[in-house]
């Protein structure tokens, strides 16, 4: 999931700069350093999204445990054990 999120974020960042140039009706290759910058920023956002999602599910399960409720349905099974807290 992490690699996929990074690739999707990178392509989205690159595509965002291409769309920006297309909307401004300037050559698509104008300011190529921005294409590279948005590519890497998009990849970073994709990686951060995965970490944020993991932290959110773990926090929700902690709150549910404090209230005496079971963890979210499918936290471990459907999501491939990627949200298991390692103590």
N, C-alpha and C. Protein backbone atom coordinates (compact mmCIF):
# COMPACT_ATOMS: atom_id res chain seq x y z
N UNK A 1 0.83 -1.19 0.00
CA UNK A 1 0.00 0.00 0.00
C UNK A 1 0.86 1.24 0.00
N UNK A 2 2.00 1.21 0.68
CA UNK A 2 2.85 2.40 0.75
C UNK A 2 3.43 2.78 -0.59
N UNK A 3 3.91 1.79 -1.33
CA UNK A 3 4.48 2.08 -2.64
C UNK A 3 3.41 2.56 -3.61
N UNK A 4 2.25 1.94 -3.56
CA UNK A 4 1.15 2.36 -4.43
C UNK A 4 0.73 3.79 -4.12
N UNK A 5 0.61 4.12 -2.84
CA UNK A 5 0.23 5.47 -2.45
C UNK A 5 1.28 6.48 -2.89
N UNK A 6 2.55 6.10 -2.79
CA UNK A 6 3.61 7.01 -3.21
C UNK A 6 3.58 7.24 -4.72
N UNK A 7 3.36 6.18 -5.48
CA UNK A 7 3.29 6.32 -6.95
C UNK A 7 2.08 7.15 -7.36
N UNK A 8 0.93 6.87 -6.74
CA UNK A 8 -0.27 7.64 -7.07
C UNK A 8 -0.08 9.11 -6.69
N UNK A 9 0.51 9.37 -5.54
CA UNK A 9 0.78 10.75 -5.13
C UNK A 9 1.75 11.45 -6.07
N UNK A 10 2.79 10.73 -6.49
CA UNK A 10 3.78 11.32 -7.39
C UNK A 10 3.17 11.65 -8.75
N UNK A 11 2.41 10.73 -9.28
CA UNK A 11 1.76 10.97 -10.58
C UNK A 11 0.73 12.10 -10.45
N UNK A 12 0.03 12.16 -9.32
CA UNK A 12 -0.93 13.23 -9.11
C UNK A 12 -0.24 14.59 -9.03
N UNK A 13 0.89 14.65 -8.34
CA UNK A 13 1.63 15.91 -8.25
C UNK A 13 2.13 16.37 -9.61
N UNK A 14 2.67 15.45 -10.37
CA UNK A 14 3.14 15.76 -11.72
C UNK A 14 1.97 16.20 -12.60
N UNK A 15 0.86 15.47 -12.51
CA UNK A 15 -0.31 15.80 -13.31
C UNK A 15 -0.91 17.14 -12.91
N UNK A 16 -0.80 17.49 -11.65
CA UNK A 16 -1.30 18.77 -11.19
C UNK A 16 -0.54 19.92 -11.85
N UNK A 17 0.77 19.79 -11.96
CA UNK A 17 1.57 20.82 -12.62
C UNK A 17 1.27 20.87 -14.12
N UNK A 18 1.09 19.69 -14.73
CA UNK A 18 0.74 19.67 -16.15
C UNK A 18 -0.61 20.33 -16.39
N UNK A 19 -1.59 20.05 -15.53
CA UNK A 19 -2.91 20.66 -15.67
C UNK A 19 -2.84 22.16 -15.44
N UNK A 20 -2.02 22.58 -14.51
CA UNK A 20 -1.85 24.00 -14.26
C UNK A 20 -1.32 24.70 -15.51
N UNK A 21 -0.32 24.11 -16.15
CA UNK A 21 0.22 24.70 -17.38
C UNK A 21 -0.81 24.67 -18.50
N UNK A 22 -1.59 23.60 -18.58
CA UNK A 22 -2.60 23.49 -19.64
C UNK A 22 -3.70 24.54 -19.45
N UNK A 23 -4.11 24.76 -18.20
CA UNK A 23 -5.15 25.75 -17.94
C UNK A 23 -4.67 27.17 -18.23
N UNK A 24 -3.38 27.40 -18.02
CA UNK A 24 -2.81 28.72 -18.31
C UNK A 24 -2.50 28.89 -19.79
N UNK A 25 -2.64 27.82 -20.55
CA UNK A 25 -2.36 27.80 -22.00
C UNK A 25 -0.93 28.24 -22.29
N UNK A 26 -0.01 27.69 -21.49
CA UNK A 26 1.42 27.89 -21.71
C UNK A 26 1.99 26.53 -22.10
N UNK A 27 3.20 26.48 -22.65
CA UNK A 27 3.78 25.17 -23.00
C UNK A 27 3.82 24.25 -21.77
N UNK A 28 3.49 22.98 -21.98
CA UNK A 28 3.41 22.04 -20.87
C UNK A 28 4.75 21.83 -20.18
N UNK A 29 5.84 22.02 -20.91
CA UNK A 29 7.16 21.80 -20.33
C UNK A 29 7.75 23.07 -19.71
N UNK A 30 6.96 24.07 -19.51
CA UNK A 30 7.45 25.31 -18.92
C UNK A 30 7.77 25.06 -17.44
N UNK A 31 8.86 25.62 -16.96
CA UNK A 31 9.33 25.45 -15.58
C UNK A 31 9.40 23.97 -15.18
N UNK A 32 10.29 23.23 -15.79
CA UNK A 32 10.33 21.78 -15.52
C UNK A 32 10.71 21.45 -14.08
N UNK A 33 11.38 22.34 -13.36
CA UNK A 33 11.72 22.05 -11.98
C UNK A 33 10.46 21.93 -11.12
N UNK A 34 9.38 22.61 -11.51
CA UNK A 34 8.14 22.47 -10.76
C UNK A 34 7.51 21.09 -10.98
N UNK A 35 7.69 20.52 -12.17
CA UNK A 35 7.21 19.17 -12.41
C UNK A 35 7.88 18.19 -11.45
N UNK A 36 9.19 18.32 -11.31
CA UNK A 36 9.95 17.43 -10.43
C UNK A 36 9.58 17.68 -8.97
N UNK A 37 9.45 18.95 -8.60
CA UNK A 37 9.10 19.30 -7.22
C UNK A 37 7.74 18.73 -6.84
N UNK A 38 6.75 18.93 -7.68
CA UNK A 38 5.41 18.41 -7.38
C UNK A 38 5.38 16.89 -7.43
N UNK A 39 6.22 16.28 -8.23
CA UNK A 39 6.33 14.82 -8.26
C UNK A 39 6.76 14.31 -6.89
N UNK A 40 7.82 14.91 -6.33
CA UNK A 40 8.31 14.45 -5.03
C UNK A 40 7.39 14.86 -3.89
N UNK A 41 6.80 16.02 -3.96
CA UNK A 41 5.85 16.44 -2.93
C UNK A 41 4.64 15.52 -2.93
N UNK A 42 4.15 15.16 -4.11
CA UNK A 42 3.03 14.23 -4.20
C UNK A 42 3.37 12.87 -3.62
N UNK A 43 4.58 12.39 -3.86
CA UNK A 43 5.02 11.12 -3.29
C UNK A 43 5.09 11.18 -1.78
N UNK A 44 5.56 12.30 -1.25
CA UNK A 44 5.63 12.47 0.21
C UNK A 44 4.23 12.49 0.81
N UNK A 45 3.31 13.19 0.16
CA UNK A 45 1.93 13.25 0.65
C UNK A 45 1.31 11.86 0.63
N UNK A 46 1.59 11.07 -0.41
CA UNK A 46 1.07 9.71 -0.48
C UNK A 46 1.58 8.86 0.67
N UNK A 47 2.86 8.96 0.99
CA UNK A 47 3.42 8.21 2.11
C UNK A 47 2.84 8.69 3.44
N UNK A 48 2.69 9.97 3.58
CA UNK A 48 2.14 10.53 4.83
C UNK A 48 0.69 10.10 5.01
N UNK A 49 -0.05 9.99 3.91
CA UNK A 49 -1.45 9.58 3.97
C UNK A 49 -1.57 8.18 4.57
N UNK A 50 -0.70 7.28 4.17
CA UNK A 50 -0.73 5.90 4.69
C UNK A 50 -0.44 5.91 6.19
N UNK A 51 0.58 6.67 6.61
CA UNK A 51 0.90 6.73 8.04
C UNK A 51 -0.25 7.34 8.84
N UNK A 52 -0.87 8.39 8.29
CA UNK A 52 -1.98 9.06 8.97
C UNK A 52 -3.17 8.13 9.11
N UNK A 53 -3.46 7.37 8.07
CA UNK A 53 -4.57 6.42 8.12
C UNK A 53 -4.31 5.34 9.17
N UNK A 54 -3.10 4.85 9.25
CA UNK A 54 -2.75 3.83 10.23
C UNK A 54 -2.90 4.38 11.65
N UNK A 55 -2.38 5.58 11.89
CA UNK A 55 -2.49 6.19 13.21
C UNK A 55 -3.94 6.43 13.59
N UNK A 56 -4.76 6.85 12.62
CA UNK A 56 -6.16 7.12 12.89
C UNK A 56 -6.91 5.86 13.30
N UNK A 57 -6.70 4.76 12.59
CA UNK A 57 -7.37 3.51 12.93
C UNK A 57 -6.91 3.01 14.29
N UNK A 58 -5.64 3.15 14.59
CA UNK A 58 -5.15 2.72 15.90
C UNK A 58 -5.74 3.57 17.02
N UNK A 59 -5.86 4.88 16.80
CA UNK A 59 -6.47 5.76 17.81
C UNK A 59 -7.94 5.43 18.01
N UNK A 60 -8.65 5.17 16.91
CA UNK A 60 -10.06 4.82 17.03
C UNK A 60 -10.22 3.52 17.81
N UNK A 61 -9.36 2.55 17.55
CA UNK A 61 -9.45 1.29 18.30
C UNK A 61 -9.13 1.48 19.77
N UNK A 62 -8.21 2.39 20.10
CA UNK A 62 -7.91 2.68 21.51
C UNK A 62 -9.12 3.32 22.20
N UNK A 63 -9.77 4.25 21.51
CA UNK A 63 -10.95 4.91 22.08
C UNK A 63 -12.06 3.88 22.29
N UNK A 64 -12.24 3.01 21.30
CA UNK A 64 -13.26 1.97 21.43
C UNK A 64 -12.93 1.01 22.58
N UNK A 65 -11.65 0.71 22.77
CA UNK A 65 -11.26 -0.18 23.87
C UNK A 65 -11.52 0.48 25.21
N UNK A 66 -11.28 1.80 25.31
CA UNK A 66 -11.55 2.52 26.56
C UNK A 66 -13.04 2.50 26.90
N UNK A 67 -13.87 2.50 25.89
CA UNK A 67 -15.32 2.47 26.11
C UNK A 67 -15.86 1.05 26.27
N UNK A 68 -14.99 0.06 26.15
CA UNK A 68 -15.41 -1.32 26.30
C UNK A 68 -15.98 -1.93 25.03
N UNK A 69 -15.74 -1.31 23.91
CA UNK A 69 -16.23 -1.81 22.63
C UNK A 69 -15.14 -2.61 21.93
N UNK A 70 -15.52 -3.52 21.05
CA UNK A 70 -14.49 -4.26 20.29
C UNK A 70 -13.85 -3.37 19.23
N UNK A 71 -12.70 -3.77 18.69
CA UNK A 71 -12.07 -2.98 17.63
C UNK A 71 -12.96 -2.90 16.39
N UNK A 72 -12.63 -2.01 15.49
CA UNK A 72 -13.38 -1.89 14.25
C UNK A 72 -13.45 -3.23 13.53
N UNK A 73 -14.57 -3.49 12.90
CA UNK A 73 -14.76 -4.75 12.19
C UNK A 73 -13.77 -4.82 11.04
N UNK A 74 -13.02 -5.90 10.97
CA UNK A 74 -12.09 -6.12 9.88
C UNK A 74 -10.79 -5.36 9.99
N UNK A 75 -10.48 -4.80 11.14
CA UNK A 75 -9.23 -4.05 11.28
C UNK A 75 -8.03 -4.91 10.94
N UNK A 76 -8.02 -6.14 11.46
CA UNK A 76 -6.88 -7.02 11.23
C UNK A 76 -7.07 -7.90 9.99
N UNK A 77 -8.26 -8.44 9.80
CA UNK A 77 -8.48 -9.40 8.73
C UNK A 77 -8.57 -8.73 7.36
N UNK A 78 -9.42 -7.74 7.21
CA UNK A 78 -9.63 -7.13 5.90
C UNK A 78 -8.45 -6.28 5.46
N UNK A 79 -7.77 -5.67 6.41
CA UNK A 79 -6.68 -4.77 6.07
C UNK A 79 -5.32 -5.44 6.10
N UNK A 80 -5.28 -6.75 6.19
CA UNK A 80 -4.03 -7.49 6.05
C UNK A 80 -3.06 -7.33 7.20
N UNK A 81 -3.54 -7.19 8.40
CA UNK A 81 -2.72 -7.09 9.61
C UNK A 81 -1.76 -5.91 9.59
N UNK A 82 -2.01 -4.91 8.79
CA UNK A 82 -1.10 -3.78 8.75
C UNK A 82 -1.37 -2.77 9.84
N UNK A 83 -2.48 -2.93 10.56
CA UNK A 83 -2.79 -1.98 11.63
C UNK A 83 -2.62 -2.59 13.02
N UNK A 84 -1.85 -3.64 13.14
CA UNK A 84 -1.61 -4.27 14.42
C UNK A 84 -0.55 -3.46 15.17
N UNK A 85 -0.87 -3.09 16.39
CA UNK A 85 0.09 -2.33 17.20
C UNK A 85 1.17 -3.27 17.70
N UNK A 86 2.41 -2.92 17.51
CA UNK A 86 3.53 -3.75 17.96
C UNK A 86 4.08 -3.20 19.25
N UNK A 87 3.76 -3.87 20.36
CA UNK A 87 4.22 -3.41 21.68
C UNK A 87 5.42 -4.20 22.14
